[in-house]
């Protein structure tokens, strides 16, 4: 199955997933504990951390005790910047 979303959307979701995982790990939550606190299954937490979607953003923020905007990445990290650079041409 091919992801047909625009590159910018895929990069955003990937950054979001990394930010979500960072906040979860900082709070010593397992995916299962975090899922329980947010009212979601642990496998869905894994999907979020892998950049699938952000439909349940308010629930995630509430479970982590942060404002929703804290889950939104402020700028691309180095990995995303590398992905956005055009390939070198010979």
Protein backbone atom coordinates (compact mmCIF):
# COMPACT_ATOMS: atom_id res chain seq x y z
CA UNK A 1 0.00 0.00 0.00
CA UNK A 2 1.52 3.31 -1.11
CA UNK A 3 1.15 6.44 1.01
CA UNK A 4 -0.34 9.05 -1.31
CA UNK A 5 -0.17 11.97 1.13
CA UNK A 6 2.03 14.91 0.12
CA UNK A 7 5.65 14.77 1.27
CA UNK A 8 5.15 17.68 3.68
CA UNK A 9 2.29 15.83 5.40
CA UNK A 10 4.32 12.63 5.69
CA UNK A 11 7.29 14.54 7.13
CA UNK A 12 5.07 16.35 9.60
CA UNK A 13 3.49 13.13 10.82
CA UNK A 14 6.94 11.53 11.18
CA UNK A 15 8.17 14.49 13.27
CA UNK A 16 4.97 14.38 15.32
CA UNK A 17 5.47 10.69 16.00
CA UNK A 18 9.04 11.21 17.16
CA UNK A 19 7.93 14.08 19.44
CA UNK A 20 5.12 11.98 20.89
CA UNK A 21 7.50 9.13 21.64
CA UNK A 22 10.04 11.48 23.22
CA UNK A 23 7.42 12.92 25.57
CA UNK A 24 6.10 9.44 26.39
CA UNK A 25 9.55 8.10 27.20
CA UNK A 26 10.44 11.20 29.26
CA UNK A 27 7.43 10.38 31.44
CA UNK A 28 8.44 6.72 31.75
CA UNK A 29 5.25 5.51 30.07
CA UNK A 30 5.24 2.27 28.14
CA UNK A 31 3.07 2.33 25.03
CA UNK A 32 0.54 0.27 26.96
CA UNK A 33 0.49 2.65 29.96
CA UNK A 34 0.25 5.69 27.71
CA UNK A 35 -2.51 4.07 25.67
CA UNK A 36 -4.47 3.31 28.80
CA UNK A 37 -4.08 6.92 30.04
CA UNK A 38 -5.18 8.28 26.64
CA UNK A 39 -7.99 5.77 26.16
CA UNK A 40 -6.30 4.08 23.20
CA UNK A 41 -4.87 0.67 22.42
CA UNK A 42 -1.09 0.30 22.61
CA UNK A 43 -0.90 -0.68 18.94
CA UNK A 44 -2.54 2.62 18.00
CA UNK A 45 0.09 4.46 20.07
CA UNK A 46 2.72 2.63 18.01
CA UNK A 47 1.02 3.72 14.80
CA UNK A 48 1.00 7.33 15.97
CA UNK A 49 4.68 7.14 16.85
CA UNK A 50 5.35 5.85 13.34
CA UNK A 51 3.55 8.79 11.74
CA UNK A 52 0.20 7.26 10.77
CA UNK A 53 -2.20 10.04 11.92
CA UNK A 54 -2.98 12.60 14.61
CA UNK A 55 -6.76 12.30 14.87
CA UNK A 56 -6.70 11.90 18.66
CA UNK A 57 -4.35 14.80 19.46
CA UNK A 58 -6.45 16.21 22.37
CA UNK A 59 -6.59 12.81 24.10
CA UNK A 60 -2.84 12.30 23.67
CA UNK A 61 -2.02 15.72 25.08
CA UNK A 62 -4.31 15.16 28.05
CA UNK A 63 -2.73 11.81 28.86
CA UNK A 64 0.75 13.39 28.81
CA UNK A 65 -0.36 16.41 30.81
CA UNK A 66 0.72 18.88 28.10
CA UNK A 67 -1.03 21.39 25.86
CA UNK A 68 -1.80 20.16 22.34
CA UNK A 69 0.66 22.64 20.83
CA UNK A 70 3.50 20.97 22.74
CA UNK A 71 3.03 17.86 20.62
CA UNK A 72 3.42 19.77 17.37
CA UNK A 73 7.03 19.83 16.18
CA UNK A 74 8.35 23.37 15.93
CA UNK A 75 10.91 22.71 13.20
CA UNK A 76 12.23 19.76 11.27
CA UNK A 77 14.97 17.76 12.90
CA UNK A 78 18.16 16.92 10.98
CA UNK A 79 16.74 13.67 9.64
CA UNK A 80 13.79 15.47 8.06
CA UNK A 81 16.00 18.23 6.67
CA UNK A 82 18.11 15.61 4.94
CA UNK A 83 14.97 14.04 3.46
CA UNK A 84 13.80 17.41 2.11
CA UNK A 85 17.08 18.17 0.32
CA UNK A 86 17.09 17.37 -3.40
CA UNK A 87 19.34 14.55 -4.44
CA UNK A 88 22.77 15.57 -5.72
CA UNK A 89 23.12 15.38 -9.47
CA UNK A 90 26.23 14.26 -11.28
